[in-house]
Amino acid sequence: MLLPPDSYAVVSSLPAGWLLQLARAERDRLAERGRRLAPVLESVIVDLSRAASCSDRRSERPSERFRAPIVEAMTTREAAAVLGITSRAVIGRIHRGTLRAERTDGGWLVDRVDVEARVAS
């Protein structure tokens, strides 16, 4: 159900962060195709960004309690090539919690959005 234009929804910081990540990934996919999000959706991203930046008093590290799913993944070898470091250094960053990844049977799948954000900064 869509909300009327003059209404609002309350979203806590943790789900807002997850929704923000998904919205930004969709915006990036559209940009790769030469398309843009509708202006109203850009304003939603701004609002989600504000909500996600609010602190959650129940946890010092909300990422431990709530982790958004990894939408696009890459291997540690691919991440190392993009970051200009070794695969071992990528795994070290994963263990320190400075690089998002998920453990699989064959190793680690690194969050592509996180890697690209680190390259851009």
Protein backbone atom coordinates (compact mmCIF):
# COMPACT_ATOMS: atom_id res chain seq x y z
CA MET A 1 0.00 0.00 0.00
CA LEU A 2 1.36 3.39 -0.96
CA LEU A 3 1.15 6.29 1.45
CA PRO A 4 -0.62 9.47 0.37
CA PRO A 5 1.81 12.24 -0.66
CA ASP A 6 1.19 14.30 2.48
CA SER A 7 1.83 11.45 4.93
CA TYR A 8 4.96 9.88 6.34
CA ALA A 9 6.24 6.60 7.70
CA VAL A 10 8.45 6.05 10.72
CA VAL A 11 11.48 3.88 9.98
CA SER A 12 14.14 3.08 12.56
CA SER A 13 17.80 3.62 11.70
CA LEU A 14 18.64 -0.03 11.04
CA PRO A 15 16.00 -0.84 8.40
CA ALA A 16 16.54 2.64 6.95
CA GLY A 17 20.20 1.77 6.38
CA TRP A 18 19.23 -1.46 4.65
CA LEU A 19 16.67 0.29 2.45
CA LEU A 20 19.16 3.04 1.69
CA GLN A 21 21.74 0.51 0.49
CA LEU A 22 19.19 -1.15 -1.80
CA ALA A 23 17.98 2.22 -3.15
CA ARG A 24 21.52 3.38 -3.88
CA ALA A 25 22.33 0.10 -5.63
CA GLU A 26 19.26 0.51 -7.84
CA ARG A 27 20.19 4.14 -8.58
CA ASP A 28 23.70 3.00 -9.58
CA ARG A 29 22.29 0.26 -11.84
CA LEU A 30 20.05 2.79 -13.56
CA ALA A 31 22.97 5.22 -13.97
CA GLU A 32 24.98 2.52 -15.72
CA ARG A 33 22.15 2.30 -18.27
CA GLY A 34 22.01 6.09 -18.68
CA ARG A 35 18.76 6.39 -16.75
CA ARG A 36 17.85 8.28 -13.58
CA LEU A 37 15.55 7.74 -10.65
CA ALA A 38 12.40 9.81 -10.46
CA PRO A 39 12.90 12.99 -8.38
CA VAL A 40 10.50 11.74 -5.72
CA LEU A 41 12.65 8.61 -5.25
CA GLU A 42 15.78 10.76 -4.95
CA SER A 43 14.05 12.60 -2.08
CA VAL A 44 13.25 9.22 -0.49
CA ILE A 45 16.97 8.39 -0.60
CA VAL A 46 17.75 11.67 1.17
CA ASP A 47 15.14 10.90 3.84
CA LEU A 48 16.44 7.35 4.29
CA SER A 49 19.96 8.71 4.64
CA ARG A 50 18.80 10.98 7.46
CA ALA A 51 16.99 8.12 9.20
CA ALA A 52 19.95 5.77 8.81
CA SER A 53 22.30 8.32 10.37
CA CYS A 54 20.29 8.46 13.60
CA SER A 55 21.94 6.57 16.42
CA ASP A 56 20.39 3.45 17.84
CA ARG A 57 20.82 3.47 21.62
CA ARG A 58 20.28 -0.28 21.95
CA SER A 59 23.55 -1.20 20.28
CA GLU A 60 26.91 0.47 19.88
CA ARG A 61 27.45 -1.47 16.65
CA PRO A 62 24.10 -1.83 14.90
CA SER A 63 25.77 -3.61 12.00
CA GLU A 64 26.29 -6.61 14.27
CA ARG A 65 22.61 -6.78 15.08
CA PHE A 66 21.23 -6.05 11.61
CA ARG A 67 23.11 -6.63 8.40
CA ALA A 68 21.66 -5.77 5.06
CA PRO A 69 21.97 -8.54 2.52
CA ILE A 70 24.79 -8.29 0.02
CA VAL A 71 23.16 -7.41 -3.28
CA GLU A 72 26.20 -7.76 -5.55
CA ALA A 73 29.25 -9.81 -4.58
CA MET A 74 32.78 -10.39 -5.81
CA THR A 75 35.53 -12.81 -4.82
CA THR A 76 38.40 -11.78 -2.59
CA ARG A 77 40.71 -11.97 -5.60
CA GLU A 78 38.48 -9.57 -7.58
CA ALA A 79 38.19 -7.22 -4.59
CA ALA A 80 41.96 -7.26 -4.17
CA ALA A 81 42.45 -6.28 -7.82
CA VAL A 82 39.98 -3.37 -7.52
CA LEU A 83 41.47 -2.15 -4.23
CA GLY A 84 45.08 -2.64 -5.34
CA ILE A 85 45.95 -4.92 -2.41
CA THR A 86 46.51 -8.63 -1.91
CA SER A 87 43.78 -11.22 -1.33
CA ARG A 88 45.25 -11.81 2.13
CA ALA A 89 44.86 -8.09 2.93
CA VAL A 90 41.21 -8.26 1.79
CA ILE A 91 40.60 -11.19 4.17
CA GLY A 92 42.30 -9.21 6.93
CA ARG A 93 39.88 -6.31 6.36
CA ILE A 94 36.97 -8.75 6.43
CA HIS A 95 38.11 -10.13 9.79
CA ARG A 96 38.58 -6.62 11.21
CA GLY A 97 35.07 -5.71 10.07
CA THR A 98 36.17 -2.92 7.75
CA LEU A 99 35.01 -4.73 4.61
CA ARG A 100 31.60 -6.43 4.34
CA ALA A 101 31.58 -10.04 3.17
CA GLU A 102 29.73 -13.30 3.61
CA ARG A 103 31.35 -16.66 4.21
CA THR A 104 30.53 -19.37 1.65
CA ASP A 105 31.66 -22.96 1.17
CA GLY A 106 34.30 -21.81 -1.30
CA GLY A 107 35.60 -18.80 0.65
CA TRP A 108 34.36 -15.24 0.98
CA LEU A 109 32.00 -13.15 -1.17
CA VAL A 110 32.81 -9.47 -0.74
CA ASP A 111 30.19 -6.71 -1.04
CA ARG A 112 30.82 -4.99 -4.39
CA VAL A 113 29.09 -1.78 -3.25
CA ASP A 114 31.41 -1.58 -0.21
CA VAL A 115 34.51 -2.14 -2.36
CA GLU A 116 33.46 0.51 -4.90
CA ALA A 117 32.69 2.98 -2.11
CA ARG A 118 36.22 2.49 -0.73
CA VAL A 119 37.73 3.08 -4.16
CA ALA A 120 35.69 6.27 -4.61
CA SER A 121 36.74 7.71 -1.22
